[in-house]
N, C-alpha and C. Protein backbone atom coordinates (compact mmCIF):
# COMPACT_ATOMS: atom_id res chain seq x y z
N MET A 1 -30.41 -34.05 -49.14
CA MET A 1 -31.57 -34.24 -48.26
C MET A 1 -32.22 -32.90 -47.93
N PRO A 2 -33.20 -32.49 -48.67
CA PRO A 2 -33.87 -31.21 -48.39
C PRO A 2 -34.49 -31.18 -47.00
N ALA A 3 -35.08 -32.28 -46.57
CA ALA A 3 -35.72 -32.31 -45.25
C ALA A 3 -34.68 -32.08 -44.16
N PHE A 4 -33.52 -32.69 -44.30
CA PHE A 4 -32.46 -32.54 -43.30
C PHE A 4 -31.95 -31.10 -43.28
N GLU A 5 -31.83 -30.49 -44.45
CA GLU A 5 -31.34 -29.11 -44.52
C GLU A 5 -32.32 -28.15 -43.87
N VAL A 6 -33.61 -28.47 -43.94
CA VAL A 6 -34.62 -27.61 -43.31
C VAL A 6 -34.67 -27.86 -41.81
N PHE A 7 -34.45 -29.10 -41.42
CA PHE A 7 -34.56 -29.46 -40.00
C PHE A 7 -33.33 -29.02 -39.22
N LEU A 8 -32.17 -29.03 -39.84
CA LEU A 8 -30.92 -28.74 -39.14
C LEU A 8 -30.88 -27.35 -38.51
N PRO A 9 -31.23 -26.26 -39.23
CA PRO A 9 -31.20 -24.94 -38.59
C PRO A 9 -32.09 -24.85 -37.37
N GLY A 10 -33.28 -25.47 -37.42
CA GLY A 10 -34.17 -25.45 -36.27
C GLY A 10 -33.54 -26.17 -35.09
N LEU A 11 -32.86 -27.28 -35.37
CA LEU A 11 -32.21 -28.05 -34.30
C LEU A 11 -31.09 -27.24 -33.67
N LEU A 12 -30.29 -26.56 -34.49
CA LEU A 12 -29.19 -25.76 -33.97
C LEU A 12 -29.73 -24.59 -33.14
N ASN A 13 -30.83 -23.99 -33.60
CA ASN A 13 -31.41 -22.88 -32.84
C ASN A 13 -31.91 -23.37 -31.49
N PHE A 14 -32.53 -24.55 -31.46
CA PHE A 14 -33.02 -25.11 -30.21
C PHE A 14 -31.87 -25.43 -29.28
N ARG A 15 -30.81 -26.02 -29.83
CA ARG A 15 -29.64 -26.35 -29.01
C ARG A 15 -28.98 -25.08 -28.48
N HIS A 16 -28.90 -24.06 -29.31
CA HIS A 16 -28.30 -22.79 -28.89
C HIS A 16 -29.11 -22.20 -27.74
N PHE A 17 -30.44 -22.21 -27.87
CA PHE A 17 -31.30 -21.65 -26.82
C PHE A 17 -31.18 -22.48 -25.54
N ALA A 18 -31.18 -23.81 -25.68
CA ALA A 18 -31.12 -24.68 -24.51
C ALA A 18 -29.77 -24.53 -23.80
N PHE A 19 -28.67 -24.57 -24.55
CA PHE A 19 -27.35 -24.48 -23.93
C PHE A 19 -27.13 -23.09 -23.32
N ALA A 20 -27.62 -22.05 -23.99
CA ALA A 20 -27.45 -20.70 -23.45
C ALA A 20 -28.24 -20.54 -22.16
N THR A 21 -29.47 -21.06 -22.14
CA THR A 21 -30.33 -20.93 -20.96
C THR A 21 -29.75 -21.71 -19.79
N PHE A 22 -29.50 -23.01 -20.01
CA PHE A 22 -28.99 -23.84 -18.92
C PHE A 22 -27.57 -23.44 -18.54
N GLY A 23 -26.78 -23.01 -19.53
CA GLY A 23 -25.42 -22.61 -19.25
C GLY A 23 -25.37 -21.38 -18.35
N MET A 24 -26.20 -20.38 -18.65
CA MET A 24 -26.21 -19.17 -17.82
C MET A 24 -26.81 -19.45 -16.45
N SER A 25 -27.77 -20.40 -16.39
CA SER A 25 -28.38 -20.72 -15.09
C SER A 25 -27.36 -21.39 -14.18
N ARG A 26 -26.39 -22.07 -14.77
CA ARG A 26 -25.34 -22.70 -13.98
C ARG A 26 -24.10 -21.81 -13.85
N GLY A 27 -24.17 -20.64 -14.48
CA GLY A 27 -23.05 -19.72 -14.42
C GLY A 27 -21.92 -20.10 -15.35
N GLU A 28 -22.26 -20.81 -16.44
CA GLU A 28 -21.24 -21.21 -17.41
C GLU A 28 -21.51 -20.52 -18.74
N LYS A 29 -20.45 -20.31 -19.50
CA LYS A 29 -20.61 -19.68 -20.80
C LYS A 29 -21.04 -20.73 -21.83
N PRO A 30 -22.04 -20.42 -22.68
CA PRO A 30 -22.47 -21.36 -23.73
C PRO A 30 -21.46 -21.40 -24.88
N VAL A 31 -20.38 -22.13 -24.69
CA VAL A 31 -19.30 -22.15 -25.69
C VAL A 31 -19.69 -23.02 -26.88
N LEU A 32 -20.30 -24.18 -26.61
CA LEU A 32 -20.64 -25.11 -27.68
C LEU A 32 -21.56 -24.50 -28.73
N PRO A 33 -22.67 -23.84 -28.34
CA PRO A 33 -23.54 -23.25 -29.36
C PRO A 33 -22.83 -22.20 -30.20
N LEU A 34 -21.93 -21.43 -29.59
CA LEU A 34 -21.22 -20.40 -30.34
C LEU A 34 -20.33 -21.04 -31.40
N ARG A 35 -19.78 -22.21 -31.11
CA ARG A 35 -18.94 -22.89 -32.10
C ARG A 35 -19.80 -23.49 -33.21
N LEU A 36 -21.03 -23.88 -32.88
CA LEU A 36 -21.92 -24.48 -33.88
C LEU A 36 -22.46 -23.43 -34.85
N MET A 37 -22.69 -22.21 -34.37
CA MET A 37 -23.29 -21.18 -35.21
C MET A 37 -22.32 -20.73 -36.30
């Protein structure tokens, strides 16, 4: 699935940004995005 392969990195980057932002705002470490990368 070429479309899925192109879409997946963007989704992971968005999730990493979202989890890092909300995680730090709550004083938590973004562990999940680090495991996904």
